[in-house]
Amino acid sequence: MTLPHKFKNKNSNKLIVVFQSFNKKYYTPEYVHHFELENSFKDYNLNCDLLFVKDRIKREWYLGDVSSNKKFFNDKVKNYQQVLFTGISAGGFASILYGSLLNVNLVIAINPQTSLIDLSDNKTILAKDAPSILHQRKEYFDLKKFINTNTKYYLNGWRHMSNDIDIFNIKDNINYENMSDADKLHDIKNYQHLSEFENVHWLNFMNNGFKNGEFLQLLKDHNFT
């Protein structure tokens, strides 16, 4: 079954694929035809084709049918000269996974998960309340094994600490072990988990970057305009 999606055609040789997070609003009947970040990209008025995607079922991390999903995205991207995958949180997880599998040019993942396994013990599954089919896809839980050398990645992670901690100072020590599962899924350790790769770069903004121009500037820096 094809992932729910919406395509915006600009007759471009560049494609931006936007993976939706688990924002519950977009999984309600009244928003079935609406997609996260549509308005932001409308305001950008880019000369790029746009593909907005959401998961079939919330909290599957786009792992319900990886083979079918990969074929779907491959069919969409194969005729483009430049391809960017992007998303927030679970959308960021999907953009890293499928961007890696398809060797796209650029991935921008805002506050993504890079592992669905606790990074302090490397065995505890964090997505305990996810649909049962997710637990049959454990080979995809850790994204480190999928990072390629061709794609350029930008990603970050959040600090779940007091407000006086600089969330972008990755040298701060955080008591990750005592966090809730939800916080672990968004902690900066998700960035650190992949930071050993030379083509993985720190992204210096969160969701506010869509409104304050930082995301748009990054697009311009990589010729996605």
C-alpha atoms as a PDB file:
ATOM      1  CA  MET A   1       0.000   0.000   0.000  1.00  0.00           C
ATOM      2  CA  THR A   2       1.351   3.407  -1.019  1.00  0.00           C
ATOM      3  CA  LEU A   3       2.193   5.948   1.653  1.00  0.00           C
ATOM      4  CA  PRO A   4      -0.241   8.907   1.846  1.00  0.00           C
ATOM      5  CA  HIS A   5       1.354  11.747  -0.067  1.00  0.00           C
ATOM      6  CA  LYS A   6       0.878  14.987  -1.957  1.00  0.00           C
ATOM      7  CA  PHE A   7       2.981  16.070  -4.923  1.00  0.00           C
ATOM      8  CA  LYS A   8       3.619  19.681  -5.945  1.00  0.00           C
ATOM      9  CA  ASN A   9       4.930  19.881  -9.502  1.00  0.00           C
ATOM     10  CA  LYS A  10       7.162  22.789 -10.518  1.00  0.00           C
ATOM     11  CA  ASN A  11       8.635  20.967 -13.550  1.00  0.00           C
ATOM     12  CA  SER A  12      11.985  21.076 -11.802  1.00  0.00           C
ATOM     13  CA  ASN A  13      15.022  18.792 -11.912  1.00  0.00           C
ATOM     14  CA  LYS A  14      15.215  19.093  -8.099  1.00  0.00           C
ATOM     15  CA  LEU A  15      12.981  17.279  -5.618  1.00  0.00           C
ATOM     16  CA  ILE A  16      12.417  17.877  -1.903  1.00  0.00           C
ATOM     17  CA  VAL A  17      10.709  15.059   0.004  1.00  0.00           C
ATOM     18  CA  VAL A  18       9.173  16.106   3.345  1.00  0.00           C
ATOM     19  CA  PHE A  19       8.459  13.328   5.848  1.00  0.00           C
ATOM     20  CA  GLN A  20       5.818  14.140   8.419  1.00  0.00           C
ATOM     21  CA  SER A  21       6.406  13.693  12.148  1.00  0.00           C
ATOM     22  CA  PHE A  22       3.890  12.017  14.479  1.00  0.00           C
ATOM     23  CA  ASN A  23       2.078  15.298  15.065  1.00  0.00           C
ATOM     24  CA  LYS A  24      -1.326  13.850  15.974  1.00  0.00           C
ATOM     25  CA  LYS A  25      -3.245  16.629  14.238  1.00  0.00           C
ATOM     26  CA  TYR A  26      -2.230  15.346  10.813  1.00  0.00           C
ATOM     27  CA  TYR A  27      -3.487  11.841  11.597  1.00  0.00           C
ATOM     28  CA  THR A  28      -7.041  12.971  12.288  1.00  0.00           C
ATOM     29  CA  PRO A  29      -9.812  12.621   9.644  1.00  0.00           C
ATOM     30  CA  GLU A  30     -10.173  16.378   9.140  1.00  0.00           C
ATOM     31  CA  TYR A  31      -6.465  16.694   8.302  1.00  0.00           C
ATOM     32  CA  VAL A  32      -6.134  13.589   6.149  1.00  0.00           C
ATOM     33  CA  HIS A  33      -5.308  15.713   3.081  1.00  0.00           C
ATOM     34  CA  HIS A  34      -3.061  18.158   4.943  1.00  0.00           C
ATOM     35  CA  PHE A  35       0.651  17.715   5.519  1.00  0.00           C
ATOM     36  CA  GLU A  36       3.160  19.101   7.982  1.00  0.00           C
ATOM     37  CA  LEU A  37       5.281  22.034   6.693  1.00  0.00           C
ATOM     38  CA  GLU A  38       3.099  22.591   3.619  1.00  0.00           C
ATOM     39  CA  ASN A  39       2.588  26.237   4.517  1.00  0.00           C
ATOM     40  CA  SER A  40       6.292  26.823   5.162  1.00  0.00           C
ATOM     41  CA  PHE A  41       7.247  25.527   1.745  1.00  0.00           C
ATOM     42  CA  LYS A  42       4.423  27.475   0.140  1.00  0.00           C
ATOM     43  CA  ASP A  43       5.928  30.635   1.615  1.00  0.00           C
ATOM     44  CA  TYR A  44       9.394  29.706   0.333  1.00  0.00           C
ATOM     45  CA  ASN A  45       8.112  29.536  -3.272  1.00  0.00           C
ATOM     46  CA  LEU A  46      11.018  27.325  -4.340  1.00  0.00           C
ATOM     47  CA  ASN A  47      11.684  26.234  -7.890  1.00  0.00           C
ATOM     48  CA  CYS A  48      11.710  22.607  -6.731  1.00  0.00           C
ATOM     49  CA  ASP A  49       9.200  19.808  -6.973  1.00  0.00           C
ATOM     50  CA  LEU A  50       7.814  18.887  -3.559  1.00  0.00           C
ATOM     51  CA  LEU A  51       6.613  15.544  -2.212  1.00  0.00           C
ATOM     52  CA  PHE A  52       4.898  15.566   1.194  1.00  0.00           C
ATOM     53  CA  VAL A  53       4.581  12.168   2.864  1.00  0.00           C
ATOM     54  CA  LYS A  54       2.992  10.787   6.024  1.00  0.00           C
ATOM     55  CA  ASP A  55       3.117   7.300   7.500  1.00  0.00           C
ATOM     56  CA  ARG A  56       0.201   4.911   7.062  1.00  0.00           C
ATOM     57  CA  ILE A  57      -0.100   4.412  10.816  1.00  0.00           C
ATOM     58  CA  LYS A  58       1.164   6.757  13.496  1.00  0.00           C
ATOM     59  CA  ARG A  59       4.255   5.572  15.410  1.00  0.00           C
ATOM     60  CA  GLU A  60       5.475   3.059  12.837  1.00  0.00           C
ATOM     61  CA  TRP A  61       8.508   5.209  11.970  1.00  0.00           C
ATOM     62  CA  TYR A  62       7.837   4.454   8.278  1.00  0.00           C
ATOM     63  CA  LEU A  63       8.931   0.838   8.884  1.00  0.00           C
ATOM     64  CA  GLY A  64       5.614  -0.900   8.191  1.00  0.00           C
ATOM     65  CA  ASP A  65       6.794  -2.053   4.742  1.00  0.00           C
ATOM     66  CA  VAL A  66      10.347  -0.901   4.112  1.00  0.00           C
ATOM     67  CA  SER A  67      10.711  -2.695   0.787  1.00  0.00           C
ATOM     68  CA  SER A  68       7.527  -1.157  -0.608  1.00  0.00           C
ATOM     69  CA  ASN A  69       8.433   2.277   0.769  1.00  0.00           C
ATOM     70  CA  LYS A  70      11.913   2.114  -0.737  1.00  0.00           C
ATOM     71  CA  LYS A  71      10.470   1.241  -4.146  1.00  0.00           C
ATOM     72  CA  PHE A  72       7.937   4.072  -3.836  1.00  0.00           C
ATOM     73  CA  PHE A  73      10.663   6.642  -3.099  1.00  0.00           C
ATOM     74  CA  ASN A  74      13.037   5.243  -5.695  1.00  0.00           C
ATOM     75  CA  ASP A  75      10.347   5.602  -8.360  1.00  0.00           C
ATOM     76  CA  LYS A  76       9.818   9.207  -7.260  1.00  0.00           C
ATOM     77  CA  VAL A  77      13.465  10.320  -7.144  1.00  0.00           C
ATOM     78  CA  LYS A  78      15.101   8.433 -10.010  1.00  0.00           C
ATOM     79  CA  ASN A  79      14.619  11.118 -12.663  1.00  0.00           C
ATOM     80  CA  TYR A  80      15.867  14.077 -10.617  1.00  0.00           C
ATOM     81  CA  GLN A  81      19.344  15.573 -10.655  1.00  0.00           C
ATOM     82  CA  GLN A  82      19.209  16.742  -7.021  1.00  0.00           C
ATOM     83  CA  VAL A  83      17.196  15.237  -4.183  1.00  0.00           C
ATOM     84  CA  LEU A  84      16.715  16.346  -0.576  1.00  0.00           C
ATOM     85  CA  PHE A  85      14.950  14.340   2.146  1.00  0.00           C
ATOM     86  CA  THR A  86      13.891  16.227   5.270  1.00  0.00           C
ATOM     87  CA  GLY A  87      11.643  15.869   8.305  1.00  0.00           C
ATOM     88  CA  ILE A  88      11.139  16.494  12.011  1.00  0.00           C
ATOM     89  CA  SER A  89      11.462  13.814  14.714  1.00  0.00           C
ATOM     90  CA  ALA A  90      10.129  10.537  13.229  1.00  0.00           C
ATOM     91  CA  GLY A  91      10.128  12.316   9.873  1.00  0.00           C
ATOM     92  CA  GLY A  92      13.809  12.950  10.456  1.00  0.00           C
ATOM     93  CA  PHE A  93      14.349   9.249  11.204  1.00  0.00           C
ATOM     94  CA  ALA A  94      12.667   8.360   7.903  1.00  0.00           C
ATOM     95  CA  SER A  95      14.602  10.989   5.956  1.00  0.00           C
ATOM     96  CA  ILE A  96      17.905   9.545   7.246  1.00  0.00           C
ATOM     97  CA  LEU A  97      16.908   5.923   6.599  1.00  0.00           C
ATOM     98  CA  TYR A  98      15.464   6.295   3.114  1.00  0.00           C
ATOM     99  CA  GLY A  99      17.885   9.047   2.147  1.00  0.00           C
ATOM    100  CA  SER A 100      20.698   6.642   3.002  1.00  0.00           C
ATOM    101  CA  LEU A 101      19.156   3.672   1.196  1.00  0.00           C
ATOM    102  CA  LEU A 102      18.657   5.755  -1.952  1.00  0.00           C
ATOM    103  CA  ASN A 103      21.882   7.796  -1.765  1.00  0.00           C
ATOM    104  CA  VAL A 104      20.108  11.131  -2.093  1.00  0.00           C
ATOM    105  CA  ASN A 105      22.194  14.304  -2.218  1.00  0.00           C
ATOM    106  CA  LEU A 106      21.130  15.880   1.052  1.00  0.00           C
ATOM    107  CA  VAL A 107      19.302  14.972   4.279  1.00  0.00           C
ATOM    108  CA  ILE A 108      18.166  17.599   6.804  1.00  0.00           C
ATOM    109  CA  ALA A 109      16.777  15.917   9.928  1.00  0.00           C
ATOM    110  CA  ILE A 110      15.484  18.157  12.720  1.00  0.00           C
ATOM    111  CA  ASN A 111      15.539  16.538  16.168  1.00  0.00           C
ATOM    112  CA  PRO A 112      15.401  13.016  14.714  1.00  0.00           C
ATOM    113  CA  GLN A 113      15.728   9.590  16.229  1.00  0.00           C
ATOM    114  CA  THR A 114      18.830   7.799  14.982  1.00  0.00           C
ATOM    115  CA  SER A 115      18.166   4.710  17.074  1.00  0.00           C
ATOM    116  CA  LEU A 116      14.969   3.264  18.499  1.00  0.00           C
ATOM    117  CA  ILE A 117      17.104   1.386  21.017  1.00  0.00           C
ATOM    118  CA  ASP A 118      18.291   2.910  24.296  1.00  0.00           C
ATOM    119  CA  LEU A 119      21.782   4.252  23.600  1.00  0.00           C
ATOM    120  CA  SER A 120      22.889   3.687  27.190  1.00  0.00           C
ATOM    121  CA  ASP A 121      22.450  -0.105  27.137  1.00  0.00           C
ATOM    122  CA  ASN A 122      22.037  -0.817  23.387  1.00  0.00           C
ATOM    123  CA  LYS A 123      19.254  -3.298  24.008  1.00  0.00           C
ATOM    124  CA  THR A 124      16.122  -1.702  25.489  1.00  0.00           C
ATOM    125  CA  ILE A 125      13.531  -0.793  22.845  1.00  0.00           C
ATOM    126  CA  LEU A 126      12.291   2.768  23.383  1.00  0.00           C
ATOM    127  CA  ALA A 127       9.160   2.575  21.213  1.00  0.00           C
ATOM    128  CA  LYS A 128       7.306   0.239  23.539  1.00  0.00           C
ATOM    129  CA  ASP A 129       3.813   1.516  22.664  1.00  0.00           C
ATOM    130  CA  ALA A 130       4.311   1.373  18.897  1.00  0.00           C
ATOM    131  CA  PRO A 131       2.229  -0.933  16.664  1.00  0.00           C
ATOM    132  CA  SER A 132       3.315  -4.561  16.935  1.00  0.00           C
ATOM    133  CA  ILE A 133       4.610  -4.700  13.364  1.00  0.00           C
ATOM    134  CA  LEU A 134       7.338  -2.232  14.298  1.00  0.00           C
ATOM    135  CA  HIS A 135       8.940  -4.824  16.543  1.00  0.00           C
ATOM    136  CA  GLN A 136       9.362  -7.076  13.500  1.00  0.00           C
ATOM    137  CA  ARG A 137      11.627  -4.471  11.888  1.00  0.00           C
ATOM    138  CA  LYS A 138      14.440  -4.388  14.440  1.00  0.00           C
ATOM    139  CA  GLU A 139      17.112  -4.526  11.719  1.00  0.00           C
ATOM    140  CA  TYR A 140      16.200  -0.899  10.943  1.00  0.00           C
ATOM    141  CA  PHE A 141      16.158   0.403  14.512  1.00  0.00           C
ATOM    142  CA  ASP A 142      19.773   1.634  14.454  1.00  0.00           C
ATOM    143  CA  LEU A 143      20.488   4.012  11.570  1.00  0.00           C
ATOM    144  CA  LYS A 144      24.263   3.961  12.009  1.00  0.00           C
ATOM    145  CA  LYS A 145      24.602   0.889   9.795  1.00  0.00           C
ATOM    146  CA  PHE A 146      22.838   2.673   6.905  1.00  0.00           C
ATOM    147  CA  ILE A 147      24.837   5.918   6.710  1.00  0.00           C
ATOM    148  CA  ASN A 148      26.533   6.144   3.318  1.00  0.00           C
ATOM    149  CA  THR A 149      29.480   8.223   2.086  1.00  0.00           C
ATOM    150  CA  ASN A 150      27.607   9.928  -0.760  1.00  0.00           C
ATOM    151  CA  THR A 151      24.835  11.748   1.106  1.00  0.00           C
ATOM    152  CA  LYS A 152      25.434  14.929   3.094  1.00  0.00           C
ATOM    153  CA  TYR A 153      23.573  14.863   6.413  1.00  0.00           C
ATOM    154  CA  TYR A 154      22.532  17.663   8.762  1.00  0.00           C
ATOM    155  CA  LEU A 155      20.919  16.748  12.082  1.00  0.00           C
ATOM    156  CA  ASN A 156      20.702  17.729  15.727  1.00  0.00           C
ATOM    157  CA  GLY A 157      19.141  16.740  19.036  1.00  0.00           C
ATOM    158  CA  TRP A 158      17.482  18.339  22.025  1.00  0.00           C
ATOM    159  CA  ARG A 159      18.704  18.800  25.595  1.00  0.00           C
ATOM    160  CA  HIS A 160      16.129  17.760  28.183  1.00  0.00           C
ATOM    161  CA  MET A 161      17.598  19.765  31.020  1.00  0.00           C
ATOM    162  CA  SER A 162      17.035  23.049  32.837  1.00  0.00           C
ATOM    163  CA  ASN A 163      16.694  26.205  30.766  1.00  0.00           C
ATOM    164  CA  ASP A 164      20.148  27.446  31.683  1.00  0.00           C
ATOM    165  CA  ILE A 165      21.790  24.640  29.704  1.00  0.00           C
ATOM    166  CA  ASP A 166      22.860  25.508  26.175  1.00  0.00           C
ATOM    167  CA  ILE A 167      21.023  22.924  24.089  1.00  0.00           C
ATOM    168  CA  PHE A 168      23.528  23.299  21.272  1.00  0.00           C
ATOM    169  CA  ASN A 169      26.615  22.725  23.426  1.00  0.00           C
ATOM    170  CA  ILE A 170      27.213  19.050  22.766  1.00  0.00           C
ATOM    171  CA  LYS A 171      30.011  18.953  25.366  1.00  0.00           C
ATOM    172  CA  ASP A 172      27.538  19.245  28.244  1.00  0.00           C
ATOM    173  CA  ASN A 173      27.131  16.018  30.193  1.00  0.00           C
ATOM    174  CA  ILE A 174      23.538  14.852  30.467  1.00  0.00           C
ATOM    175  CA  ASN A 175      22.129  12.119  32.648  1.00  0.00           C
ATOM    176  CA  TYR A 176      20.624  10.284  29.696  1.00  0.00           C
ATOM    177  CA  GLU A 177      20.040   7.079  31.669  1.00  0.00           C
ATOM    178  CA  ASN A 178      17.376   8.709  33.868  1.00  0.00           C
ATOM    179  CA  MET A 179      15.381  10.302  31.061  1.00  0.00           C
ATOM    180  CA  SER A 180      11.963   9.120  29.968  1.00  0.00           C
ATOM    181  CA  ASP A 181      11.826   7.080  26.766  1.00  0.00           C
ATOM    182  CA  ALA A 182      10.227  10.035  24.954  1.00  0.00           C
ATOM    183  CA  ASP A 183      13.093  12.313  25.968  1.00  0.00           C
ATOM    184  CA  LYS A 184      15.703   9.748  24.954  1.00  0.00           C
ATOM    185  CA  LEU A 185      14.133   9.605  21.500  1.00  0.00           C
ATOM    186  CA  HIS A 186      14.886  13.331  21.076  1.00  0.00           C
ATOM    187  CA  ASP A 187      18.076  13.753  23.064  1.00  0.00           C
ATOM    188  CA  ILE A 188      21.292  15.074  21.559  1.00  0.00           C
ATOM    189  CA  LYS A 189      22.758  11.576  21.832  1.00  0.00           C
ATOM    190  CA  ASN A 190      20.878  10.847  18.612  1.00  0.00           C
ATOM    191  CA  TYR A 191      23.205  13.293  16.870  1.00  0.00           C
ATOM    192  CA  GLN A 192      26.273  12.064  18.727  1.00  0.00           C
ATOM    193  CA  HIS A 193      25.429   8.500  17.686  1.00  0.00           C
ATOM    194  CA  LEU A 194      26.226   9.424  14.066  1.00  0.00           C
ATOM    195  CA  SER A 195      28.727  12.244  14.577  1.00  0.00           C
ATOM    196  CA  GLU A 196      31.751  10.029  13.826  1.00  0.00           C
ATOM    197  CA  PHE A 197      30.912  10.183  10.122  1.00  0.00           C
ATOM    198  CA  GLU A 198      32.647  13.001   8.229  1.00  0.00           C
ATOM    199  CA  ASN A 199      29.547  13.689   6.137  1.00  0.00           C
ATOM    200  CA  VAL A 200      27.268  14.109   9.192  1.00  0.00           C
ATOM    201  CA  HIS A 201      27.041  17.752  10.265  1.00  0.00           C
ATOM    202  CA  TRP A 202      25.517  19.585  13.215  1.00  0.00           C
ATOM    203  CA  LEU A 203      22.318  21.497  12.402  1.00  0.00           C
ATOM    204  CA  ASN A 204      22.197  24.697  14.434  1.00  0.00           C
ATOM    205  CA  PHE A 205      18.423  25.231  14.547  1.00  0.00           C
ATOM    206  CA  MET A 206      15.249  23.462  15.595  1.00  0.00           C
ATOM    207  CA  ASN A 207      11.671  23.875  14.283  1.00  0.00           C
ATOM    208  CA  ASN A 208      11.959  27.651  14.587  1.00  0.00           C
ATOM    209  CA  GLY A 209      14.347  27.543  11.636  1.00  0.00           C
ATOM    210  CA  PHE A 210      11.400  27.086   9.287  1.00  0.00           C
ATOM    211  CA  LYS A 211      10.080  30.523  10.253  1.00  0.00           C
ATOM    212  CA  ASN A 212      13.211  32.581  10.917  1.00  0.00           C
ATOM    213  CA  GLY A 213      14.919  31.870   7.592  1.00  0.00           C
ATOM    214  CA  GLU A 214      17.621  29.440   8.723  1.00  0.00           C
ATOM    215  CA  PHE A 215      16.124  26.434   6.964  1.00  0.00           C
ATOM    216  CA  LEU A 216      15.585  28.423   3.774  1.00  0.00           C
ATOM    217  CA  GLN A 217      19.177  29.672   3.886  1.00  0.00           C
ATOM    218  CA  LEU A 218      20.449  26.090   4.172  1.00  0.00           C
ATOM    219  CA  LEU A 219      18.398  25.196   1.115  1.00  0.00           C
ATOM    220  CA  LYS A 220      19.950  28.107  -0.773  1.00  0.00           C
ATOM    221  CA  ASP A 221      23.440  27.089   0.351  1.00  0.00           C
ATOM    222  CA  HIS A 222      22.894  23.713  -1.313  1.00  0.00           C
ATOM    223  CA  ASN A 223      21.194  25.065  -4.423  1.00  0.00           C
ATOM    224  CA  PHE A 224      17.663  23.904  -3.541  1.00  0.00           C
ATOM    225  CA  THR A 225      15.902  27.129  -4.528  1.00  0.00           C
END
